[in-house]
Amino acid sequence: MRLCTANRTVPRTWTVELRPQRCGPELVCPRCRPTTTSASGGTTARSAALAHLARHARLDSLPAHLRTCQCHERGCHWHPRHRGCSGPIVLALARQQGGRLWRLADVCTACAGATNHAAIVPEPQLAATPSPHKTEAPTKNGTEDPSARIRVRDMLSYLAVALPSPTGPQARLLALQCALRADDQGRTQLPPGLLRGMHLHGEGMWWHELEQAHWLYRPPLSSTNGAAAQLLDATLLSPRPGRRGRARAADWALRTASAPALRNQGPGLQLAAVALAVHVSPDAASGTADAGQVARSCGLTGSQLVTALEQLATTGVLTAWTLDVAMDDLAWQTVSR
């Protein structure tokens, strides 16, 4: 008698297509046929696509030990050749065909970093409800929360896909603070001191960039006590546990961008410094990362990233850096702690 063992891989890949129509784009999901969902209304087509993918991920949840790299299962044809699959399984959001096709899938960290126009989605944002049994451990005497860098790294990666590619560095820094400080309804209030620290206490074009991208909306203010905004990104509007932890991550990002060596530098260098710092452990003075992932987090091209690295070395933020063009591996050294 021949024994048959079940070894079927559970598919954790979802795609949606935005098809242009006379009355506005339609969202078509292969798993939801034969119906199509109109992407018109108060949200943009992009936000509707991301919300639809997030809903599938929540409904098709799977224990961590059963999740596999869906890219590897398909011969790793979603990205250029790299060293091979490695790292934990994460949810990666990828944009194709100029934003007409979106894919959310379980992939390993290495494949996520090698995929063009892709970002790791912070999975707590896909949770339906926070766990009532988990509480956040408070920090001691200003000790850095070890999860702060991870939260900022994941949010930068997500914003790299969620925001239009021409979005400038100041607008990206502003979006990072808004996303991390928003409540479960997507409302955020930035105090005046934070705005001064980010050089946003006056009217600037950065708010308008995010409004034109339909990523947030600023309601009329009845007072001058900071700036209020309503996020329109549907993926960020589901209940997210760990609000205090996200606030600490926002504070860490602000302090990193406002370090003494960066105070007189432009937002491009500040954002690049934050994008590098998220790949360094708190007690280390060196880091490594995929150069393409760092560039996407900053909204930069490869040559622009090289220029930013040279400027960070000139200002003293970096003491040394190397870039392996063939493998796209970036390594750097900072001032010893």
Protein backbone atom coordinates (compact mmCIF):
# COMPACT_ATOMS: atom_id res chain seq x y z
CA MET A 1 0.00 0.00 0.00
CA ARG A 2 1.29 3.47 -0.89
CA LEU A 3 1.05 6.18 1.69
CA CYS A 4 0.13 9.67 0.54
CA THR A 5 1.08 12.60 2.75
CA ALA A 6 -0.41 16.04 2.37
CA ASN A 7 2.30 18.51 1.37
CA ARG A 8 0.23 21.16 -0.35
CA THR A 9 1.48 24.71 -0.12
CA VAL A 10 -1.24 27.12 0.96
CA PRO A 11 -1.30 30.01 -1.56
CA ARG A 12 -0.86 33.39 0.07
CA THR A 13 -0.78 35.61 -3.01
CA TRP A 14 -3.46 38.12 -3.92
CA THR A 15 -3.62 40.46 -6.90
CA VAL A 16 -5.95 43.21 -8.00
CA GLU A 17 -6.10 45.06 -11.31
CA LEU A 18 -7.31 48.60 -11.88
CA ARG A 19 -9.04 48.73 -15.25
CA PRO A 20 -9.82 52.16 -16.70
CA GLN A 21 -13.49 52.74 -17.46
CA ARG A 22 -15.49 55.70 -18.68
CA CYS A 23 -16.95 56.34 -15.23
CA GLY A 24 -13.66 55.75 -13.42
CA PRO A 25 -11.30 52.83 -12.78
CA GLU A 26 -12.72 49.49 -11.71
CA LEU A 27 -11.02 47.15 -9.28
CA VAL A 28 -10.98 43.54 -10.51
CA CYS A 29 -9.92 40.70 -8.23
CA PRO A 30 -9.48 37.17 -9.65
CA ARG A 31 -10.68 35.67 -6.37
CA CYS A 32 -13.86 37.75 -6.30
CA ARG A 33 -15.15 37.07 -9.82
CA PRO A 34 -17.48 37.62 -11.52
CA THR A 35 -18.13 40.92 -9.74
CA THR A 36 -15.99 44.01 -10.00
CA THR A 37 -15.77 46.78 -7.44
CA SER A 38 -15.90 50.42 -8.39
CA ALA A 39 -12.88 52.33 -7.13
CA SER A 40 -14.61 55.69 -7.24
CA GLY A 41 -15.84 57.70 -4.29
CA GLY A 42 -13.97 59.25 -1.38
CA THR A 43 -10.88 57.09 -1.75
CA THR A 44 -8.48 56.83 -4.64
CA ALA A 45 -8.20 53.75 -6.80
CA ARG A 46 -4.85 53.00 -5.20
CA SER A 47 -6.28 53.12 -1.69
CA ALA A 48 -9.18 50.90 -2.73
CA ALA A 49 -6.77 48.34 -4.16
CA LEU A 50 -4.64 48.28 -1.01
CA ALA A 51 -7.70 47.96 1.22
CA HIS A 52 -9.00 45.06 -0.86
CA LEU A 53 -5.67 43.22 -0.62
CA ALA A 54 -5.50 43.83 3.13
CA ARG A 55 -8.95 42.33 3.55
CA HIS A 56 -7.87 39.16 1.75
CA ALA A 57 -4.77 38.89 3.94
CA ARG A 58 -6.89 39.13 7.08
CA LEU A 59 -9.45 36.58 5.88
CA ASP A 60 -6.79 34.13 4.62
CA SER A 61 -4.68 34.26 7.77
CA LEU A 62 -2.24 31.40 8.35
CA PRO A 63 0.04 30.47 11.28
CA ALA A 64 3.59 31.72 10.85
CA HIS A 65 5.12 28.24 10.71
CA LEU A 66 2.93 27.31 7.70
CA ARG A 67 3.74 30.37 5.62
CA THR A 68 6.21 29.93 2.76
CA CYS A 69 7.90 32.20 0.23
CA GLN A 70 5.41 32.44 -2.62
CA CYS A 71 8.08 33.98 -4.85
CA HIS A 72 10.28 30.90 -4.38
CA GLU A 73 7.30 28.65 -5.15
CA ARG A 74 7.06 30.38 -8.56
CA GLY A 75 10.74 30.09 -9.41
CA CYS A 76 11.65 33.54 -8.06
CA HIS A 77 10.68 35.27 -11.32
CA TRP A 78 9.30 38.33 -9.54
CA HIS A 79 12.75 39.88 -9.14
CA PRO A 80 16.27 39.91 -10.62
CA ARG A 81 18.63 37.15 -9.61
CA HIS A 82 20.03 37.40 -6.08
CA ARG A 83 21.81 35.23 -3.53
CA GLY A 84 18.77 33.12 -2.72
CA CYS A 85 15.84 32.94 -0.33
CA SER A 86 16.62 33.82 3.27
CA GLY A 87 15.17 35.61 6.26
CA PRO A 88 11.73 35.48 7.86
CA ILE A 89 8.52 35.38 5.82
CA VAL A 90 6.91 38.82 5.44
CA LEU A 91 4.03 40.34 3.51
CA ALA A 92 5.32 42.27 0.51
CA LEU A 93 3.26 44.71 -1.55
CA ALA A 94 4.37 45.13 -5.16
CA ARG A 95 3.27 47.61 -7.82
CA GLN A 96 3.31 46.59 -11.48
CA GLN A 97 2.35 48.13 -14.82
CA GLY A 98 2.67 51.64 -13.46
CA GLY A 99 0.16 51.08 -10.67
CA ARG A 100 -2.50 49.22 -12.68
CA LEU A 101 -1.66 45.89 -11.04
CA TRP A 102 -0.98 45.34 -7.33
CA ARG A 103 0.20 42.15 -5.63
CA LEU A 104 0.35 41.23 -1.95
CA ALA A 105 2.15 37.98 -1.11
CA ASP A 106 4.09 36.06 1.51
CA VAL A 107 7.77 36.22 0.56
CA CYS A 108 11.06 35.84 2.35
CA THR A 109 12.94 38.98 3.36
CA ALA A 110 15.60 38.46 0.68
CA CYS A 111 13.05 38.23 -2.14
CA ALA A 112 11.16 41.25 -0.79
CA GLY A 113 14.33 43.34 -0.87
CA ALA A 114 15.22 42.23 -4.40
CA THR A 115 11.79 42.93 -5.94
CA ASN A 116 11.44 46.23 -7.76
CA HIS A 117 8.62 48.55 -6.69
CA ALA A 118 7.90 46.43 -3.62
CA ALA A 119 7.65 47.16 0.08
CA ILE A 120 7.21 45.13 3.24
CA VAL A 121 3.79 45.78 4.77
CA PRO A 122 3.79 46.16 8.57
CA GLU A 123 1.56 43.24 9.47
CA PRO A 124 0.07 44.73 12.68
CA GLN A 125 -1.77 47.10 10.34
CA LEU A 126 -3.63 44.14 8.85
CA ALA A 127 -4.82 42.89 12.24
CA ALA A 128 -8.58 43.02 12.67
CA THR A 129 -8.45 43.77 16.39
CA PRO A 130 -5.69 44.24 18.96
CA SER A 131 -5.03 41.42 21.38
CA PRO A 132 -6.47 42.17 24.83
CA HIS A 133 -3.75 40.09 26.47
CA LYS A 134 -0.76 42.01 25.18
CA THR A 135 0.55 45.19 26.69
CA GLU A 136 3.51 47.27 25.65
CA ALA A 137 6.57 47.10 27.82
CA PRO A 138 7.54 50.62 28.93
CA THR A 139 11.05 51.88 28.33
CA LYS A 140 13.36 52.56 31.23
CA ASN A 141 14.82 56.03 31.79
CA GLY A 142 14.79 56.97 28.13
CA THR A 143 16.19 53.63 26.94
CA GLU A 144 15.40 53.15 23.27
CA ASP A 145 12.49 50.89 22.47
CA PRO A 146 14.08 48.08 20.40
CA SER A 147 10.98 47.86 18.21
CA ALA A 148 11.10 51.56 17.24
CA ARG A 149 13.57 51.09 14.41
CA ILE A 150 11.63 48.12 13.08
CA ARG A 151 8.38 50.10 13.04
CA VAL A 152 10.03 53.01 11.22
CA ARG A 153 11.75 50.67 8.75
CA ASP A 154 8.50 48.89 7.90
CA MET A 155 6.59 52.16 7.55
CA LEU A 156 9.25 53.68 5.26
CA SER A 157 9.11 50.54 3.15
CA TYR A 158 5.32 50.73 2.95
CA LEU A 159 5.30 54.45 2.09
CA ALA A 160 7.79 53.76 -0.71
CA VAL A 161 4.98 51.95 -2.53
CA ALA A 162 1.94 53.79 -1.18
CA LEU A 163 3.16 57.27 -2.17
CA PRO A 164 3.77 58.37 -5.77
CA SER A 165 7.44 58.11 -6.75
CA PRO A 166 7.92 61.89 -7.28
CA THR A 167 6.98 62.59 -3.63
CA GLY A 168 9.76 64.69 -2.09
CA PRO A 169 11.76 63.86 1.05
CA GLN A 170 10.08 66.49 3.25
CA ALA A 171 6.66 65.15 2.34
CA ARG A 172 7.86 61.59 3.05
CA LEU A 173 9.15 62.61 6.49
CA LEU A 174 5.82 64.30 7.15
CA ALA A 175 3.89 61.21 5.97
CA LEU A 176 6.02 59.04 8.26
CA GLN A 177 5.10 61.15 11.31
CA CYS A 178 1.41 61.28 10.35
CA ALA A 179 1.19 57.51 9.79
CA LEU A 180 2.92 56.60 13.06
CA ARG A 181 0.98 59.14 15.16
CA ALA A 182 -2.49 58.52 13.69
CA ASP A 183 -5.27 56.89 15.69
CA ASP A 184 -7.41 53.96 14.50
CA GLN A 185 -9.64 56.33 12.51
CA GLY A 186 -6.66 57.81 10.67
CA ARG A 187 -6.78 61.13 12.53
CA THR A 188 -3.50 62.75 13.49
CA GLN A 189 -2.59 65.94 15.33
CA LEU A 190 0.98 67.22 15.05
CA PRO A 191 1.89 69.62 17.88
CA PRO A 192 3.58 72.97 17.16
CA GLY A 193 6.90 71.86 18.68
CA LEU A 194 7.11 68.87 16.36
CA LEU A 195 6.31 71.05 13.36
CA ARG A 196 9.06 73.49 14.33
CA GLY A 197 11.50 70.61 14.71
CA MET A 198 10.66 69.48 11.19
CA HIS A 199 10.74 73.08 9.85
CA LEU A 200 7.04 72.78 9.03
CA HIS A 201 5.72 75.57 11.26
CA GLY A 202 5.02 77.69 8.19
CA GLU A 203 2.87 76.85 5.18
CA GLY A 204 4.75 74.61 2.76
CA MET A 205 4.17 72.59 -0.36
CA TRP A 206 4.74 69.30 1.50
CA TRP A 207 1.19 69.13 2.83
CA HIS A 208 -0.08 69.86 -0.66
CA GLU A 209 2.01 67.02 -2.09
CA LEU A 210 0.30 64.53 0.20
CA GLU A 211 -3.12 66.05 -0.46
CA GLN A 212 -2.61 65.93 -4.22
CA ALA A 213 -1.61 62.28 -3.87
CA HIS A 214 -4.95 61.74 -2.05
CA TRP A 215 -3.00 60.30 0.88
CA LEU A 216 -4.36 62.72 3.48
CA TYR A 217 -6.79 65.58 3.89
CA ARG A 218 -6.39 68.64 6.12
CA PRO A 219 -9.72 69.80 7.52
CA PRO A 220 -10.18 73.51 8.27
CA LEU A 221 -8.57 74.34 11.61
CA SER A 222 -10.39 76.33 14.26
CA SER A 223 -7.16 76.99 16.18
CA THR A 224 -3.44 77.27 15.57
CA ASN A 225 -2.52 74.52 18.02
CA GLY A 226 -0.53 72.40 15.61
CA ALA A 227 -1.83 70.81 12.44
CA ALA A 228 -4.60 68.22 12.10
CA ALA A 229 -4.95 65.79 9.23
CA GLN A 230 -7.13 62.87 8.21
CA LEU A 231 -5.37 59.98 6.49
CA LEU A 232 -7.08 58.63 3.37
CA ASP A 233 -4.88 55.56 2.96
CA ALA A 234 -7.34 52.74 3.58
CA THR A 235 -4.60 50.29 4.62
CA LEU A 236 -3.75 52.50 7.60
CA LEU A 237 -7.33 52.84 8.81
CA SER A 238 -7.85 49.35 10.29
CA PRO A 239 -7.41 49.01 14.07
CA ARG A 240 -3.72 48.84 14.86
CA PRO A 241 -2.41 47.65 18.22
CA GLY A 242 0.56 49.35 19.82
CA ARG A 243 -0.28 53.02 19.48
CA ARG A 244 2.19 54.03 22.20
CA GLY A 245 4.89 51.98 20.51
CA ARG A 246 4.18 53.74 17.22
CA ALA A 247 4.41 57.11 18.95
CA ARG A 248 7.82 56.15 20.36
CA ALA A 249 8.89 55.11 16.88
CA ALA A 250 7.78 58.52 15.55
CA ASP A 251 9.82 60.25 18.27
CA TRP A 252 12.86 58.14 17.42
CA ALA A 253 12.57 59.05 13.72
CA LEU A 254 12.28 62.74 14.61
CA ARG A 255 15.35 62.63 16.87
CA THR A 256 17.36 60.76 14.25
CA ALA A 257 16.47 63.26 11.53
CA SER A 258 17.27 66.17 13.88
CA ALA A 259 20.69 64.93 15.03
CA PRO A 260 23.29 67.72 15.45
CA ALA A 261 25.13 66.80 12.24
CA LEU A 262 21.86 66.98 10.28
CA ARG A 263 20.19 70.08 11.69
CA ASN A 264 21.51 72.37 8.96
CA GLN A 265 21.10 69.82 6.18
CA GLY A 266 18.22 69.42 3.78
CA PRO A 267 15.35 66.94 4.17
CA GLY A 268 16.90 64.62 1.59
CA LEU A 269 19.90 63.92 3.81
CA GLN A 270 17.72 63.69 6.91
CA LEU A 271 15.51 61.07 5.30
CA ALA A 272 18.54 59.15 4.02
CA ALA A 273 20.03 59.13 7.53
CA VAL A 274 16.79 57.73 8.96
CA ALA A 275 16.58 55.10 6.20
CA LEU A 276 20.11 53.94 7.06
CA ALA A 277 19.65 54.06 10.84
CA VAL A 278 16.74 51.61 10.76
CA HIS A 279 19.16 48.93 9.57
CA VAL A 280 21.57 49.44 12.49
CA SER A 281 21.03 47.93 15.92
CA PRO A 282 21.07 50.43 18.83
CA ASP A 283 24.47 49.27 20.16
CA ALA A 284 26.22 48.95 16.77
CA ALA A 285 28.23 51.39 14.67
CA SER A 286 27.88 49.66 11.31
CA GLY A 287 25.08 48.47 9.10
CA THR A 288 24.27 46.65 5.88
CA ALA A 289 21.22 46.78 3.65
CA ASP A 290 19.98 46.29 0.12
CA ALA A 291 20.85 49.51 -1.71
CA GLY A 292 17.69 49.39 -3.80
CA GLN A 293 15.52 49.10 -0.71
CA VAL A 294 17.20 52.11 0.90
CA ALA A 295 16.84 54.14 -2.30
CA ARG A 296 13.13 53.31 -2.59
CA SER A 297 12.55 54.30 1.04
CA CYS A 298 13.99 57.72 0.24
CA GLY A 299 12.36 58.12 -3.17
CA LEU A 300 15.81 58.26 -4.79
CA THR A 301 17.43 56.75 -7.85
CA GLY A 302 20.63 54.75 -7.52
CA SER A 303 22.85 57.69 -8.50
CA GLN A 304 20.99 60.03 -6.15
CA LEU A 305 21.57 57.58 -3.30
CA VAL A 306 25.31 57.59 -4.01
CA THR A 307 25.31 61.39 -3.89
CA ALA A 308 23.44 61.33 -0.57
CA LEU A 309 25.95 58.84 0.88
CA GLU A 310 28.85 61.07 -0.17
CA GLN A 311 27.20 64.07 1.49
CA LEU A 312 26.50 62.10 4.69
CA ALA A 313 30.17 61.17 4.80
CA THR A 314 31.13 64.83 4.33
CA THR A 315 28.91 65.94 7.20
CA GLY A 316 30.34 63.27 9.50
CA VAL A 317 27.19 61.16 9.82
CA LEU A 318 29.03 58.31 8.10
CA THR A 319 32.71 57.54 8.57
CA ALA A 320 32.87 55.10 5.65
CA TRP A 321 30.60 53.33 3.18
CA THR A 322 30.90 50.80 0.36
CA LEU A 323 28.51 49.72 -2.39
CA ASP A 324 28.76 46.38 -4.19
CA VAL A 325 27.11 47.27 -7.49
CA ALA A 326 26.94 43.66 -8.69
CA MET A 327 25.08 42.43 -5.59
CA ASP A 328 23.45 45.79 -4.71
CA ASP A 329 24.81 45.42 -1.18
CA LEU A 330 25.38 48.61 0.81
CA ALA A 331 27.56 48.71 3.94
CA TRP A 332 28.49 51.70 6.09
CA GLN A 333 30.13 52.78 9.31
CA THR A 334 28.92 55.47 11.70
CA VAL A 335 30.61 57.23 14.61
CA SER A 336 31.44 54.71 17.33
CA ARG A 337 29.06 54.76 20.29
